[in-house]
Each structure stands twice: as structure tokens, then as C-alpha cells.
C-alpha atoms as a PDB file:
ATOM      1  CA  UNK A   1      52.624 -30.214 -86.692  1.00  0.00           C
ATOM      2  CA  UNK A   2      50.934 -27.225 -88.365  1.00  0.00           C
ATOM      3  CA  UNK A   3      52.592 -23.779 -88.514  1.00  0.00           C
ATOM      4  CA  UNK A   4      49.460 -22.575 -86.730  1.00  0.00           C
ATOM      5  CA  UNK A   5      49.943 -22.761 -83.056  1.00  0.00           C
ATOM      6  CA  UNK A   6      46.212 -22.737 -82.544  1.00  0.00           C
ATOM      7  CA  UNK A   7      46.008 -26.432 -83.708  1.00  0.00           C
ATOM      8  CA  UNK A   8      48.270 -27.782 -80.941  1.00  0.00           C
ATOM      9  CA  UNK A   9      46.673 -29.776 -78.118  1.00  0.00           C
ATOM     10  CA  UNK A  10      47.832 -29.276 -74.474  1.00  0.00           C
ATOM     11  CA  UNK A  11      49.683 -32.471 -74.682  1.00  0.00           C
ATOM     12  CA  UNK A  12      51.566 -31.526 -77.762  1.00  0.00           C
ATOM     13  CA  UNK A  13      52.541 -28.205 -76.065  1.00  0.00           C
ATOM     14  CA  UNK A  14      54.246 -30.057 -73.201  1.00  0.00           C
ATOM     15  CA  UNK A  15      57.923 -30.432 -73.455  1.00  0.00           C
ATOM     16  CA  UNK A  16      59.758 -32.439 -70.796  1.00  0.00           C
ATOM     17  CA  UNK A  17      63.420 -31.563 -69.937  1.00  0.00           C
ATOM     18  CA  UNK A  18      65.340 -34.806 -69.467  1.00  0.00           C
ATOM     19  CA  UNK A  19      67.258 -33.836 -66.234  1.00  0.00           C
ATOM     20  CA  UNK A  20      69.021 -37.162 -66.183  1.00  0.00           C
ATOM     21  CA  UNK A  21      72.795 -37.931 -66.647  1.00  0.00           C
ATOM     22  CA  UNK A  22      72.693 -41.103 -68.722  1.00  0.00           C
ATOM     23  CA  UNK A  23      71.061 -42.585 -71.890  1.00  0.00           C
ATOM     24  CA  UNK A  24      69.792 -45.511 -69.888  1.00  0.00           C
ATOM     25  CA  UNK A  25      67.818 -43.148 -67.528  1.00  0.00           C
ATOM     26  CA  UNK A  26      66.713 -40.995 -70.387  1.00  0.00           C
ATOM     27  CA  UNK A  27      65.288 -43.957 -72.362  1.00  0.00           C
ATOM     28  CA  UNK A  28      63.517 -45.333 -69.260  1.00  0.00           C
ATOM     29  CA  UNK A  29      61.950 -41.915 -68.861  1.00  0.00           C
ATOM     30  CA  UNK A  30      61.080 -41.683 -72.495  1.00  0.00           C
ATOM     31  CA  UNK A  31      59.352 -45.063 -72.367  1.00  0.00           C
ATOM     32  CA  UNK A  32      57.260 -43.799 -69.346  1.00  0.00           C
ATOM     33  CA  UNK A  33      56.312 -40.537 -71.106  1.00  0.00           C
ATOM     34  CA  UNK A  34      55.697 -41.797 -74.670  1.00  0.00           C
ATOM     35  CA  UNK A  35      52.337 -40.733 -75.896  1.00  0.00           C
ATOM     36  CA  UNK A  36      51.885 -38.440 -72.857  1.00  0.00           C
ATOM     37  CA  UNK A  37      54.006 -35.459 -73.904  1.00  0.00           C
ATOM     38  CA  UNK A  38      54.764 -33.528 -77.115  1.00  0.00           C
ATOM     39  CA  UNK A  39      58.548 -33.495 -76.952  1.00  0.00           C
ATOM     40  CA  UNK A  40      61.620 -34.356 -74.840  1.00  0.00           C
ATOM     41  CA  UNK A  41      64.332 -31.729 -74.363  1.00  0.00           C
ATOM     42  CA  UNK A  42      67.959 -33.050 -74.602  1.00  0.00           C
ATOM     43  CA  UNK A  43      70.377 -30.409 -73.191  1.00  0.00           C
ATOM     44  CA  UNK A  44      74.090 -29.985 -73.255  1.00  0.00           C
ATOM     45  CA  UNK A  45      74.854 -32.325 -70.333  1.00  0.00           C
ATOM     46  CA  UNK A  46      72.995 -35.333 -71.899  1.00  0.00           C
ATOM     47  CA  UNK A  47      74.089 -34.633 -75.435  1.00  0.00           C
ATOM     48  CA  UNK A  48      77.837 -34.250 -74.425  1.00  0.00           C
ATOM     49  CA  UNK A  49      77.604 -37.487 -72.328  1.00  0.00           C
ATOM     50  CA  UNK A  50      75.729 -39.685 -74.784  1.00  0.00           C
ATOM     51  CA  UNK A  51      76.078 -38.135 -78.249  1.00  0.00           C
ATOM     52  CA  UNK A  52      74.200 -38.107 -81.559  1.00  0.00           C
ATOM     53  CA  UNK A  53      73.326 -41.891 -81.687  1.00  0.00           C
ATOM     54  CA  UNK A  54      71.485 -41.470 -78.362  1.00  0.00           C
ATOM     55  CA  UNK A  55      69.334 -38.680 -79.786  1.00  0.00           C
ATOM     56  CA  UNK A  56      68.547 -40.757 -82.901  1.00  0.00           C
ATOM     57  CA  UNK A  57      67.357 -43.619 -80.643  1.00  0.00           C
ATOM     58  CA  UNK A  58      65.401 -41.365 -78.421  1.00  0.00           C
ATOM     59  CA  UNK A  59      63.459 -39.869 -81.394  1.00  0.00           C
ATOM     60  CA  UNK A  60      62.078 -43.367 -82.119  1.00  0.00           C
ATOM     61  CA  UNK A  61      60.077 -42.908 -78.948  1.00  0.00           C
ATOM     62  CA  UNK A  62      59.325 -39.156 -78.642  1.00  0.00           C
ATOM     63  CA  UNK A  63      60.227 -36.054 -80.785  1.00  0.00           C
ATOM     64  CA  UNK A  64      63.248 -34.196 -79.440  1.00  0.00           C
ATOM     65  CA  UNK A  65      64.075 -30.559 -78.829  1.00  0.00           C
ATOM     66  CA  UNK A  66      67.768 -30.417 -79.034  1.00  0.00           C
ATOM     67  CA  UNK A  67      68.741 -27.653 -76.556  1.00  0.00           C
ATOM     68  CA  UNK A  68      72.353 -26.884 -77.479  1.00  0.00           C
ATOM     69  CA  UNK A  69      72.128 -23.101 -77.462  1.00  0.00           C
ATOM     70  CA  UNK A  70      74.870 -22.802 -80.111  1.00  0.00           C
ATOM     71  CA  UNK A  71      76.827 -19.512 -79.835  1.00  0.00           C
ATOM     72  CA  UNK A  72      79.936 -18.938 -81.935  1.00  0.00           C
ATOM     73  CA  UNK A  73      81.139 -17.261 -85.176  1.00  0.00           C
ATOM     74  CA  UNK A  74      78.690 -17.691 -88.077  1.00  0.00           C
ATOM     75  CA  UNK A  75      80.770 -20.288 -89.977  1.00  0.00           C
ATOM     76  CA  UNK A  76      81.289 -22.478 -86.938  1.00  0.00           C
ATOM     77  CA  UNK A  77      77.558 -22.384 -86.093  1.00  0.00           C
ATOM     78  CA  UNK A  78      76.554 -23.204 -89.641  1.00  0.00           C
ATOM     79  CA  UNK A  79      78.723 -26.213 -89.691  1.00  0.00           C
ATOM     80  CA  UNK A  80      77.672 -27.354 -86.299  1.00  0.00           C
ATOM     81  CA  UNK A  81      74.104 -26.940 -87.335  1.00  0.00           C
ATOM     82  CA  UNK A  82      74.652 -28.974 -90.599  1.00  0.00           C
ATOM     83  CA  UNK A  83      76.030 -31.766 -88.422  1.00  0.00           C
ATOM     84  CA  UNK A  84      73.332 -31.979 -85.860  1.00  0.00           C
ATOM     85  CA  UNK A  85      70.500 -31.329 -88.361  1.00  0.00           C
ATOM     86  CA  UNK A  86      71.243 -34.905 -89.755  1.00  0.00           C
ATOM     87  CA  UNK A  87      69.394 -36.031 -86.596  1.00  0.00           C
ATOM     88  CA  UNK A  88      66.281 -34.180 -87.692  1.00  0.00           C
ATOM     89  CA  UNK A  89      65.246 -32.945 -84.251  1.00  0.00           C
ATOM     90  CA  UNK A  90      61.799 -31.373 -83.863  1.00  0.00           C
ATOM     91  CA  UNK A  91      63.432 -28.194 -82.588  1.00  0.00           C
ATOM     92  CA  UNK A  92      66.945 -26.843 -82.232  1.00  0.00           C
ATOM     93  CA  UNK A  93      68.242 -23.572 -80.809  1.00  0.00           C
ATOM     94  CA  UNK A  94      71.016 -21.050 -80.938  1.00  0.00           C
ATOM     95  CA  UNK A  95      71.745 -17.945 -78.804  1.00  0.00           C
ATOM     96  CA  UNK A  96      70.289 -14.688 -80.172  1.00  0.00           C
ATOM     97  CA  UNK A  97      73.187 -12.908 -78.586  1.00  0.00           C
ATOM     98  CA  UNK A  98      75.394 -14.482 -81.368  1.00  0.00           C
ATOM     99  CA  UNK A  99      74.205 -11.599 -83.562  1.00  0.00           C
ATOM    100  CA  UNK A 100      72.511 -11.207 -86.961  1.00  0.00           C
ATOM    101  CA  UNK A 101      75.138 -12.898 -89.131  1.00  0.00           C
ATOM    102  CA  UNK A 102      75.245 -15.963 -86.741  1.00  0.00           C
ATOM    103  CA  UNK A 103      71.445 -16.268 -86.631  1.00  0.00           C
ATOM    104  CA  UNK A 104      71.242 -15.975 -90.414  1.00  0.00           C
ATOM    105  CA  UNK A 105      73.895 -18.706 -90.825  1.00  0.00           C
ATOM    106  CA  UNK A 106      71.823 -21.064 -88.551  1.00  0.00           C
ATOM    107  CA  UNK A 107      68.585 -20.153 -90.397  1.00  0.00           C
ATOM    108  CA  UNK A 108      70.244 -20.874 -93.799  1.00  0.00           C
ATOM    109  CA  UNK A 109      71.322 -24.301 -92.568  1.00  0.00           C
ATOM    110  CA  UNK A 110      67.865 -25.007 -91.252  1.00  0.00           C
ATOM    111  CA  UNK A 111      66.164 -23.864 -94.480  1.00  0.00           C
ATOM    112  CA  UNK A 112      68.469 -26.141 -96.520  1.00  0.00           C
ATOM    113  CA  UNK A 113      67.606 -29.027 -94.159  1.00  0.00           C
ATOM    114  CA  UNK A 114      63.874 -28.446 -94.548  1.00  0.00           C
ATOM    115  CA  UNK A 115      64.186 -28.180 -98.376  1.00  0.00           C
ATOM    116  CA  UNK A 116      65.674 -31.633 -98.299  1.00  0.00           C
ATOM    117  CA  UNK A 117      62.701 -33.057 -96.407  1.00  0.00           C
ATOM    118  CA  UNK A 118      63.678 -32.242 -92.779  1.00  0.00           C
ATOM    119  CA  UNK A 119      61.196 -31.048 -90.156  1.00  0.00           C
ATOM    120  CA  UNK A 120      63.410 -29.053 -87.734  1.00  0.00           C
ATOM    121  CA  UNK A 121      62.432 -25.561 -86.593  1.00  0.00           C
ATOM    122  CA  UNK A 122      64.997 -23.090 -85.480  1.00  0.00           C
ATOM    123  CA  UNK A 123      64.596 -21.149 -82.166  1.00  0.00           C
ATOM    124  CA  UNK A 124      66.737 -18.382 -80.723  1.00  0.00           C
ATOM    125  CA  UNK A 125      67.412 -18.166 -77.001  1.00  0.00           C
ATOM    126  CA  UNK A 126      66.521 -14.593 -75.817  1.00  0.00           C
ATOM    127  CA  UNK A 127      67.299 -14.146 -72.167  1.00  0.00           C
ATOM    128  CA  UNK A 128      67.932 -17.230 -69.935  1.00  0.00           C
ATOM    129  CA  UNK A 129      65.187 -17.630 -67.387  1.00  0.00           C
ATOM    130  CA  UNK A 130      67.920 -17.914 -64.723  1.00  0.00           C
ATOM    131  CA  UNK A 131      68.852 -14.280 -65.268  1.00  0.00           C
ATOM    132  CA  UNK A 132      67.031 -11.473 -63.596  1.00  0.00           C
ATOM    133  CA  UNK A 133      67.596  -7.694 -63.864  1.00  0.00           C
ATOM    134  CA  UNK A 134      70.390  -7.723 -61.286  1.00  0.00           C
ATOM    135  CA  UNK A 135      72.323 -10.447 -63.198  1.00  0.00           C
ATOM    136  CA  UNK A 136      71.859  -8.674 -66.454  1.00  0.00           C
ATOM    137  CA  UNK A 137      73.276  -5.418 -64.909  1.00  0.00           C
ATOM    138  CA  UNK A 138      76.311  -7.389 -63.889  1.00  0.00           C
ATOM    139  CA  UNK A 139      76.756  -8.378 -67.522  1.00  0.00           C
ATOM    140  CA  UNK A 140      76.545  -4.797 -68.621  1.00  0.00           C
ATOM    141  CA  UNK A 141      72.889  -4.718 -69.838  1.00  0.00           C
ATOM    142  CA  UNK A 142      70.916  -1.758 -68.555  1.00  0.00           C
ATOM    143  CA  UNK A 143      67.663  -3.026 -70.129  1.00  0.00           C
ATOM    144  CA  UNK A 144      64.976  -5.014 -68.266  1.00  0.00           C
ATOM    145  CA  UNK A 145      64.900  -8.731 -69.109  1.00  0.00           C
ATOM    146  CA  UNK A 146      61.563  -8.385 -70.928  1.00  0.00           C
ATOM    147  CA  UNK A 147      62.901  -5.422 -73.127  1.00  0.00           C
ATOM    148  CA  UNK A 148      65.992  -7.343 -73.959  1.00  0.00           C
ATOM    149  CA  UNK A 149      64.063 -10.409 -74.885  1.00  0.00           C
ATOM    150  CA  UNK A 150      61.744  -8.456 -77.146  1.00  0.00           C
ATOM    151  CA  UNK A 151      64.719  -6.867 -78.986  1.00  0.00           C
ATOM    152  CA  UNK A 152      66.280 -10.391 -79.426  1.00  0.00           C
ATOM    153  CA  UNK A 153      63.043 -11.820 -80.787  1.00  0.00           C
ATOM    154  CA  UNK A 154      62.704  -9.116 -83.333  1.00  0.00           C
ATOM    155  CA  UNK A 155      66.350  -9.688 -84.347  1.00  0.00           C
ATOM    156  CA  UNK A 156      65.748 -13.551 -84.610  1.00  0.00           C
ATOM    157  CA  UNK A 157      62.648 -13.121 -86.671  1.00  0.00           C
ATOM    158  CA  UNK A 158      64.487 -10.838 -89.137  1.00  0.00           C
ATOM    159  CA  UNK A 159      67.228 -13.384 -89.418  1.00  0.00           C
ATOM    160  CA  UNK A 160      64.861 -16.054 -90.354  1.00  0.00           C
ATOM    161  CA  UNK A 161      64.324 -18.035 -87.108  1.00  0.00           C
ATOM    162  CA  UNK A 162      60.950 -19.844 -86.609  1.00  0.00           C
ATOM    163  CA  UNK A 163      60.645 -18.586 -82.933  1.00  0.00           C
ATOM    164  CA  UNK A 164      62.357 -18.001 -79.691  1.00  0.00           C
ATOM    165  CA  UNK A 165      63.027 -19.437 -76.308  1.00  0.00           C
ATOM    166  CA  UNK A 166      61.805 -16.980 -73.813  1.00  0.00           C
ATOM    167  CA  UNK A 167      60.266 -16.562 -70.353  1.00  0.00           C
ATOM    168  CA  UNK A 168      56.546 -16.853 -70.241  1.00  0.00           C
ATOM    169  CA  UNK A 169      56.614 -13.312 -68.869  1.00  0.00           C
ATOM    170  CA  UNK A 170      57.805 -12.068 -72.296  1.00  0.00           C
ATOM    171  CA  UNK A 171      55.630 -14.358 -74.423  1.00  0.00           C
ATOM    172  CA  UNK A 172      52.594 -11.915 -74.708  1.00  0.00           C
ATOM    173  CA  UNK A 173      54.718  -8.954 -75.936  1.00  0.00           C
ATOM    174  CA  UNK A 174      56.718 -11.164 -78.372  1.00  0.00           C
ATOM    175  CA  UNK A 175      53.536 -12.550 -79.812  1.00  0.00           C
ATOM    176  CA  UNK A 176      52.082  -9.092 -80.263  1.00  0.00           C
ATOM    177  CA  UNK A 177      55.369  -7.864 -81.909  1.00  0.00           C
ATOM    178  CA  UNK A 178      56.211 -10.934 -84.019  1.00  0.00           C
ATOM    179  CA  UNK A 179      52.813 -12.574 -84.695  1.00  0.00           C
ATOM    180  CA  UNK A 180      51.084 -15.701 -83.566  1.00  0.00           C
ATOM    181  CA  UNK A 181      53.010 -18.002 -86.071  1.00  0.00           C
ATOM    182  CA  UNK A 182      56.357 -16.943 -84.523  1.00  0.00           C
ATOM    183  CA  UNK A 183      56.914 -19.670 -81.801  1.00  0.00           C
ATOM    184  CA  UNK A 184      57.489 -19.000 -78.210  1.00  0.00           C
ATOM    185  CA  UNK A 185      58.939 -21.924 -76.183  1.00  0.00           C
ATOM    186  CA  UNK A 186      59.004 -21.129 -72.538  1.00  0.00           C
ATOM    187  CA  UNK A 187      61.107 -22.792 -69.794  1.00  0.00           C
ATOM    188  CA  UNK A 188      60.711 -21.904 -66.085  1.00  0.00           C
ATOM    189  CA  UNK A 189      57.217 -23.589 -65.864  1.00  0.00           C
ATOM    190  CA  UNK A 190      56.296 -24.862 -62.531  1.00  0.00           C
ATOM    191  CA  UNK A 191      52.967 -26.518 -61.638  1.00  0.00           C
ATOM    192  CA  UNK A 192      50.944 -24.800 -58.895  1.00  0.00           C
ATOM    193  CA  UNK A 193      52.728 -25.130 -55.593  1.00  0.00           C
ATOM    194  CA  UNK A 194      56.107 -26.371 -56.896  1.00  0.00           C
ATOM    195  CA  UNK A 195      59.460 -24.918 -55.866  1.00  0.00           C
ATOM    196  CA  UNK A 196      61.092 -22.557 -58.276  1.00  0.00           C
ATOM    197  CA  UNK A 197      64.576 -24.116 -57.944  1.00  0.00           C
ATOM    198  CA  UNK A 198      67.278 -22.238 -59.994  1.00  0.00           C
ATOM    199  CA  UNK A 199      64.830 -20.279 -62.187  1.00  0.00           C
ATOM    200  CA  UNK A 200      64.417 -16.675 -61.447  1.00  0.00           C
ATOM    201  CA  UNK A 201      61.304 -16.033 -63.637  1.00  0.00           C
ATOM    202  CA  UNK A 202      58.643 -18.772 -63.379  1.00  0.00           C
ATOM    203  CA  UNK A 203      54.976 -19.200 -64.223  1.00  0.00           C
ATOM    204  CA  UNK A 204      52.308 -21.968 -63.899  1.00  0.00           C
ATOM    205  CA  UNK A 205      51.224 -23.782 -67.013  1.00  0.00           C
ATOM    206  CA  UNK A 206      47.873 -22.168 -67.147  1.00  0.00           C
ATOM    207  CA  UNK A 207      49.347 -18.700 -66.645  1.00  0.00           C
ATOM    208  CA  UNK A 208      51.957 -19.377 -69.436  1.00  0.00           C
ATOM    209  CA  UNK A 209      49.385 -20.474 -71.933  1.00  0.00           C
ATOM    210  CA  UNK A 210      47.354 -17.327 -71.194  1.00  0.00           C
ATOM    211  CA  UNK A 211      50.439 -15.201 -71.767  1.00  0.00           C
ATOM    212  CA  UNK A 212      51.034 -16.738 -75.240  1.00  0.00           C
ATOM    213  CA  UNK A 213      53.440 -19.575 -74.823  1.00  0.00           C
ATOM    214  CA  UNK A 214      53.441 -22.010 -77.718  1.00  0.00           C
ATOM    215  CA  UNK A 215      55.410 -24.785 -75.941  1.00  0.00           C
ATOM    216  CA  UNK A 216      55.986 -25.202 -72.186  1.00  0.00           C
ATOM    217  CA  UNK A 217      59.175 -26.847 -70.765  1.00  0.00           C
ATOM    218  CA  UNK A 218      58.814 -28.686 -67.544  1.00  0.00           C
ATOM    219  CA  UNK A 219      61.647 -30.636 -65.991  1.00  0.00           C
ATOM    220  CA  UNK A 220      62.100 -31.857 -62.345  1.00  0.00           C
ATOM    221  CA  UNK A 221      58.358 -31.553 -61.443  1.00  0.00           C
ATOM    222  CA  UNK A 222      57.845 -34.495 -63.859  1.00  0.00           C
ATOM    223  CA  UNK A 223      61.207 -36.289 -64.065  1.00  0.00           C
ATOM    224  CA  UNK A 224      61.739 -36.300 -60.250  1.00  0.00           C
ATOM    225  CA  UNK A 225      58.119 -37.167 -59.522  1.00  0.00           C
ATOM    226  CA  UNK A 226      57.345 -40.595 -57.881  1.00  0.00           C
ATOM    227  CA  UNK A 227      55.106 -41.213 -61.055  1.00  0.00           C
ATOM    228  CA  UNK A 228      56.360 -39.205 -63.902  1.00  0.00           C
ATOM    229  CA  UNK A 229      53.523 -40.273 -66.296  1.00  0.00           C
ATOM    230  CA  UNK A 230      50.885 -39.223 -63.656  1.00  0.00           C
ATOM    231  CA  UNK A 231      52.798 -35.859 -63.156  1.00  0.00           C
ATOM    232  CA  UNK A 232      52.827 -35.199 -66.804  1.00  0.00           C
ATOM    233  CA  UNK A 233      48.984 -35.962 -67.032  1.00  0.00           C
ATOM    234  CA  UNK A 234      48.310 -33.585 -64.198  1.00  0.00           C
ATOM    235  CA  UNK A 235      50.188 -30.794 -66.030  1.00  0.00           C
ATOM    236  CA  UNK A 236      48.336 -31.514 -69.252  1.00  0.00           C
ATOM    237  CA  UNK A 237      45.105 -31.258 -67.300  1.00  0.00           C
ATOM    238  CA  UNK A 238      46.253 -28.036 -65.683  1.00  0.00           C
ATOM    239  CA  UNK A 239      46.993 -26.640 -69.217  1.00  0.00           C
ATOM    240  CA  UNK A 240      43.595 -27.758 -70.524  1.00  0.00           C
END
């Protein structure tokens, strides 16, 4: 995949969150979606349940975004990164809130992996899409979600990350501040007419692309659909 986000097709931009509890269900979903989506997202629940061998097997079907959101002291994050980078996922992420030294440690591990022939790009999570201003205020943040996300994006870029995980509502400002080549992966994407579920800040696929999203993460509207492949094709069409 080129560093230029302009070369990505709508299909390559679609990332499907595997909201299933077991490897058996995940593999069945991967078989249904292979060739129809750009990546599959494996989160903490599935990774903790099924482990690294499962991710390796899954990647034989579809590239994986390993959504672990690592957040710890720099040495621990570097060592954890070195362990999971052996799986060579397409994307991996850490929490920007871990601070400059932690982000730099993760970036160093990723650079070493790529120098050895790996393909993984490192993203930093800015503000979770489940958090709105009221929730941030309860955590002691006076800033608006979009201002905090932009600050974290600038920090992540300075530390050597390839991009961020952010709400589509922040993608445009982050693109403007950090440049087109700095990736913006946006969860909280819901097709027209779909329920928002537990996301506070959502957007349709077409709106998100217009706002500057590089990759769009869609979960239940595809994985819980009667025909996941058809649901994925409909979203690709909506993006196009």
C-alpha cells in the first residue's frame, strides 16, 4: 500500500471490526469478507481470547489492524510492541495519552521492524469515539474532544507515528495540521440510517471520506448483518 492515501480504493479504505468472541466465528467472517474489504480489526477481546497464532492465521485471509491500544511505561510498551510486531500486522496502535517517551518507544520498535522488512504502520489513539465533552470533563479535561485530538495528533507525529485513530469529526483538522500522508483511521462509522450504538461521535462513510478519513472502521452494521458480504459491498458503494 502506497504512502500516498490518494491511491487507496474505497474497498482498501474499509476496515471491518471483528465483533465476535471466538476464532471460529472470526475465521468464518474473514472467509465471507475476503477480497471485499481492506482490513479486519482484531481488538482486545478477541486477541486475549485467541492469541497471536489466531492473528497469524487470520492474516492469511485478510490484512489485520491489531487494535490493542497499548498504554504503559515506555520500556513495557517497547517490549510488548516487539512481541506483537512479529505477527507483522498491517496496522497497530498505542494510546497517545501515554506521552512522548512512550510514543517514541513504540515508534522505535516499529521502525526497527520495518527496517527488517516488516510492513506495520503505527497509529496513536487520540480521543476514544465513545467519549464526548461531558465524559472528558469528568476525566479532568477542559478541552473539547476535537482540540484534544488535534493536540494528541501533533504529539504523535512528532514522536514518529504514521498516523492516528480519531473521530471523523477531527480528521479534517488533523489532515490540515499534519499533512495528507499522516494517516487518519476513523471508527464510529455508521451507514446511513444505522443506529449509533455505544459511539458518541459518529458519521456516515461518505461524510467521513469528505472530512479526510484515510480508513473507515465499521463493525456491527457488517458483522451483524444477515449478509455481511452484501453489507460490506453496500458500504463500499456508499464510499464510492
